[in-house]
N, C-alpha and C. Protein backbone atom coordinates (compact mmCIF):
# COMPACT_ATOMS: atom_id res chain seq x y z
N UNK A 1 0.83 -1.20 0.01
CA UNK A 1 -0.01 0.00 -0.01
C UNK A 1 0.85 1.26 0.01
N UNK A 2 1.96 1.24 0.73
CA UNK A 2 2.78 2.43 0.82
C UNK A 2 3.40 2.74 -0.56
N UNK A 3 3.84 1.71 -1.28
CA UNK A 3 4.39 1.95 -2.62
C UNK A 3 3.36 2.53 -3.54
N UNK A 4 2.12 2.03 -3.47
CA UNK A 4 1.03 2.58 -4.29
C UNK A 4 0.78 4.03 -3.94
N UNK A 5 0.82 4.36 -2.67
CA UNK A 5 0.62 5.71 -2.21
C UNK A 5 1.69 6.63 -2.76
N UNK A 6 2.94 6.20 -2.78
CA UNK A 6 4.03 7.00 -3.30
C UNK A 6 3.84 7.23 -4.80
N UNK A 7 3.44 6.18 -5.53
CA UNK A 7 3.18 6.33 -6.96
C UNK A 7 2.09 7.37 -7.22
N UNK A 8 1.07 7.36 -6.39
CA UNK A 8 -0.03 8.32 -6.57
C UNK A 8 0.44 9.75 -6.23
N UNK A 9 1.27 9.89 -5.24
CA UNK A 9 1.82 11.23 -4.94
C UNK A 9 2.64 11.75 -6.10
N UNK A 10 3.46 10.81 -6.69
CA UNK A 10 4.30 11.22 -7.79
C UNK A 10 3.43 11.68 -8.99
N UNK A 11 2.24 11.12 -9.09
CA UNK A 11 1.32 11.50 -10.17
C UNK A 11 0.54 12.76 -9.82
N UNK A 12 0.75 13.34 -8.64
CA UNK A 12 0.08 14.54 -8.26
C UNK A 12 -1.28 14.30 -7.58
N UNK A 13 -1.58 13.08 -7.20
CA UNK A 13 -2.82 12.77 -6.50
C UNK A 13 -2.58 12.78 -5.00
N UNK A 14 -3.54 13.29 -4.27
CA UNK A 14 -3.47 13.20 -2.81
C UNK A 14 -4.51 12.18 -2.37
N UNK A 15 -4.11 11.43 -1.39
CA UNK A 15 -4.94 10.30 -0.91
C UNK A 15 -5.36 10.52 0.52
N UNK A 16 -6.54 10.02 0.86
CA UNK A 16 -7.07 10.08 2.21
C UNK A 16 -7.50 8.69 2.61
N UNK A 17 -7.11 8.28 3.80
CA UNK A 17 -7.54 6.97 4.30
C UNK A 17 -8.86 7.10 5.00
N UNK A 18 -9.73 6.11 4.75
CA UNK A 18 -11.02 6.02 5.44
C UNK A 18 -11.16 4.61 6.02
N UNK A 19 -11.94 4.52 7.10
CA UNK A 19 -12.24 3.20 7.67
C UNK A 19 -13.76 3.01 7.50
N UNK A 20 -14.09 1.92 6.83
CA UNK A 20 -15.52 1.64 6.57
C UNK A 20 -16.23 1.29 7.87
N UNK A 21 -17.36 1.95 8.10
CA UNK A 21 -18.16 1.69 9.28
C UNK A 21 -19.28 0.73 9.05
N UNK A 22 -19.44 0.36 7.79
CA UNK A 22 -20.44 -0.65 7.43
C UNK A 22 -19.96 -1.31 6.12
N UNK A 23 -20.50 -2.47 5.79
CA UNK A 23 -20.13 -3.10 4.52
C UNK A 23 -20.55 -2.15 3.39
N UNK A 24 -19.71 -2.04 2.39
CA UNK A 24 -19.96 -1.10 1.33
C UNK A 24 -19.50 -1.64 -0.02
N UNK A 25 -20.33 -1.41 -1.02
CA UNK A 25 -19.98 -1.65 -2.43
C UNK A 25 -20.81 -0.67 -3.26
N UNK A 26 -20.16 0.10 -4.09
CA UNK A 26 -20.92 1.05 -4.87
C UNK A 26 -20.11 1.65 -6.02
N UNK A 27 -20.74 2.60 -6.71
CA UNK A 27 -20.05 3.22 -7.88
C UNK A 27 -18.77 3.92 -7.46
N UNK A 28 -18.70 4.49 -6.25
CA UNK A 28 -17.51 5.22 -5.83
C UNK A 28 -16.32 4.28 -5.70
N UNK A 29 -16.56 3.01 -5.38
CA UNK A 29 -15.47 2.06 -5.27
C UNK A 29 -15.39 1.12 -6.47
N UNK A 30 -16.05 1.53 -7.55
CA UNK A 30 -16.09 0.72 -8.78
C UNK A 30 -16.62 -0.67 -8.51
N UNK A 31 -17.63 -0.75 -7.65
CA UNK A 31 -18.32 -1.95 -7.25
C UNK A 31 -17.44 -2.96 -6.54
N UNK A 32 -16.30 -2.52 -6.00
CA UNK A 32 -15.46 -3.38 -5.17
C UNK A 32 -16.09 -3.38 -3.76
N UNK A 33 -16.20 -4.58 -3.20
CA UNK A 33 -16.80 -4.72 -1.86
C UNK A 33 -15.74 -4.50 -0.76
N UNK A 34 -16.12 -3.70 0.21
CA UNK A 34 -15.25 -3.49 1.40
C UNK A 34 -16.07 -3.77 2.63
N UNK A 35 -15.66 -4.73 3.45
CA UNK A 35 -16.40 -5.02 4.70
C UNK A 35 -16.12 -3.94 5.76
N UNK A 36 -17.05 -3.79 6.69
CA UNK A 36 -16.86 -2.87 7.78
C UNK A 36 -15.53 -3.14 8.48
N UNK A 37 -14.82 -2.09 8.79
CA UNK A 37 -13.51 -2.21 9.46
C UNK A 37 -12.32 -2.07 8.53
N UNK A 38 -12.52 -2.26 7.23
CA UNK A 38 -11.38 -2.11 6.30
C UNK A 38 -10.94 -0.66 6.25
N UNK A 39 -9.64 -0.46 6.20
CA UNK A 39 -9.06 0.87 6.03
C UNK A 39 -8.42 0.92 4.64
N UNK A 40 -8.84 1.91 3.87
CA UNK A 40 -8.45 2.01 2.47
C UNK A 40 -8.15 3.46 2.12
N UNK A 41 -7.14 3.71 1.29
CA UNK A 41 -6.82 5.05 0.83
C UNK A 41 -7.49 5.29 -0.52
N UNK A 42 -8.17 6.43 -0.63
CA UNK A 42 -8.82 6.80 -1.87
C UNK A 42 -8.39 8.24 -2.20
N UNK A 43 -8.60 8.63 -3.46
CA UNK A 43 -8.39 10.02 -3.80
C UNK A 43 -9.29 10.86 -2.90
N UNK A 44 -8.82 12.08 -2.57
CA UNK A 44 -9.53 12.93 -1.62
C UNK A 44 -11.00 13.09 -1.92
N UNK A 45 -11.35 13.35 -3.14
CA UNK A 45 -12.76 13.62 -3.49
C UNK A 45 -13.61 12.36 -3.32
N UNK A 46 -13.05 11.19 -3.65
CA UNK A 46 -13.81 9.93 -3.45
C UNK A 46 -14.00 9.65 -1.99
N UNK A 47 -12.91 9.83 -1.20
CA UNK A 47 -12.99 9.64 0.26
C UNK A 47 -14.06 10.48 0.87
N UNK A 48 -14.11 11.77 0.49
CA UNK A 48 -15.11 12.66 1.07
C UNK A 48 -16.54 12.28 0.72
N UNK A 49 -16.74 11.74 -0.46
CA UNK A 49 -18.07 11.29 -0.86
C UNK A 49 -18.50 10.05 -0.08
N UNK A 50 -17.56 9.13 0.14
CA UNK A 50 -17.86 7.90 0.90
C UNK A 50 -18.22 8.28 2.36
N UNK A 51 -17.45 9.24 2.91
CA UNK A 51 -17.75 9.68 4.27
C UNK A 51 -19.10 10.39 4.32
N UNK A 52 -19.40 11.18 3.30
CA UNK A 52 -20.71 11.88 3.25
C UNK A 52 -21.85 10.89 3.19
N UNK A 53 -21.64 9.74 2.59
CA UNK A 53 -22.67 8.71 2.54
C UNK A 53 -22.77 7.94 3.88
N UNK A 54 -21.95 8.31 4.83
CA UNK A 54 -21.90 7.70 6.14
C UNK A 54 -21.56 6.20 6.07
N UNK A 55 -20.74 5.86 5.09
CA UNK A 55 -20.29 4.49 4.94
C UNK A 55 -18.90 4.31 5.57
N UNK A 56 -18.23 5.44 5.87
CA UNK A 56 -16.85 5.40 6.45
C UNK A 56 -16.62 6.65 7.22
N UNK A 57 -15.49 6.60 7.96
CA UNK A 57 -15.02 7.78 8.67
C UNK A 57 -13.54 7.98 8.32
N UNK A 58 -13.12 9.21 8.46
CA UNK A 58 -11.73 9.53 8.14
C UNK A 58 -10.77 8.88 9.14
N UNK A 59 -9.63 8.42 8.66
CA UNK A 59 -8.56 7.93 9.56
C UNK A 59 -7.55 9.08 9.72
N UNK A 60 -7.26 9.46 10.97
CA UNK A 60 -6.29 10.50 11.13
C UNK A 60 -4.93 10.17 10.49
N UNK A 61 -4.33 11.12 9.84
CA UNK A 61 -3.04 10.84 9.16
C UNK A 61 -1.94 10.54 10.20
N UNK A 62 -1.08 9.65 9.82
CA UNK A 62 0.08 9.32 10.68
C UNK A 62 1.32 9.78 9.97
N UNK A 63 2.30 10.14 10.74
CA UNK A 63 3.56 10.57 10.18
C UNK A 63 4.31 9.36 9.63
N UNK A 64 4.64 9.41 8.37
CA UNK A 64 5.36 8.28 7.74
C UNK A 64 6.85 8.38 8.09
N UNK A 65 7.43 7.24 8.39
CA UNK A 65 8.84 7.18 8.70
C UNK A 65 9.65 7.19 7.42
N UNK A 66 10.73 7.95 7.36
CA UNK A 66 11.54 7.98 6.14
C UNK A 66 12.26 6.62 5.99
N UNK A 67 12.39 6.21 4.73
CA UNK A 67 13.05 4.96 4.41
C UNK A 67 14.54 5.22 4.32
N UNK A 68 15.32 4.44 5.04
CA UNK A 68 16.79 4.66 5.03
C UNK A 68 17.45 3.72 4.06
């Protein structure tokens, strides 16, 4: 997941992690099923829409450790 996140940053996308509060599958996730409790990073606008649907809550950002 971290490698994917770095690739998305390099492409200019910002990602937000959400934790699903209920089972969810819909157009926003391209019909991919996520069970309650899953934590997934989505583009900011997608994450905000999923949270607005009350299907998930934001996960507070954590400071990433630099790779040595």
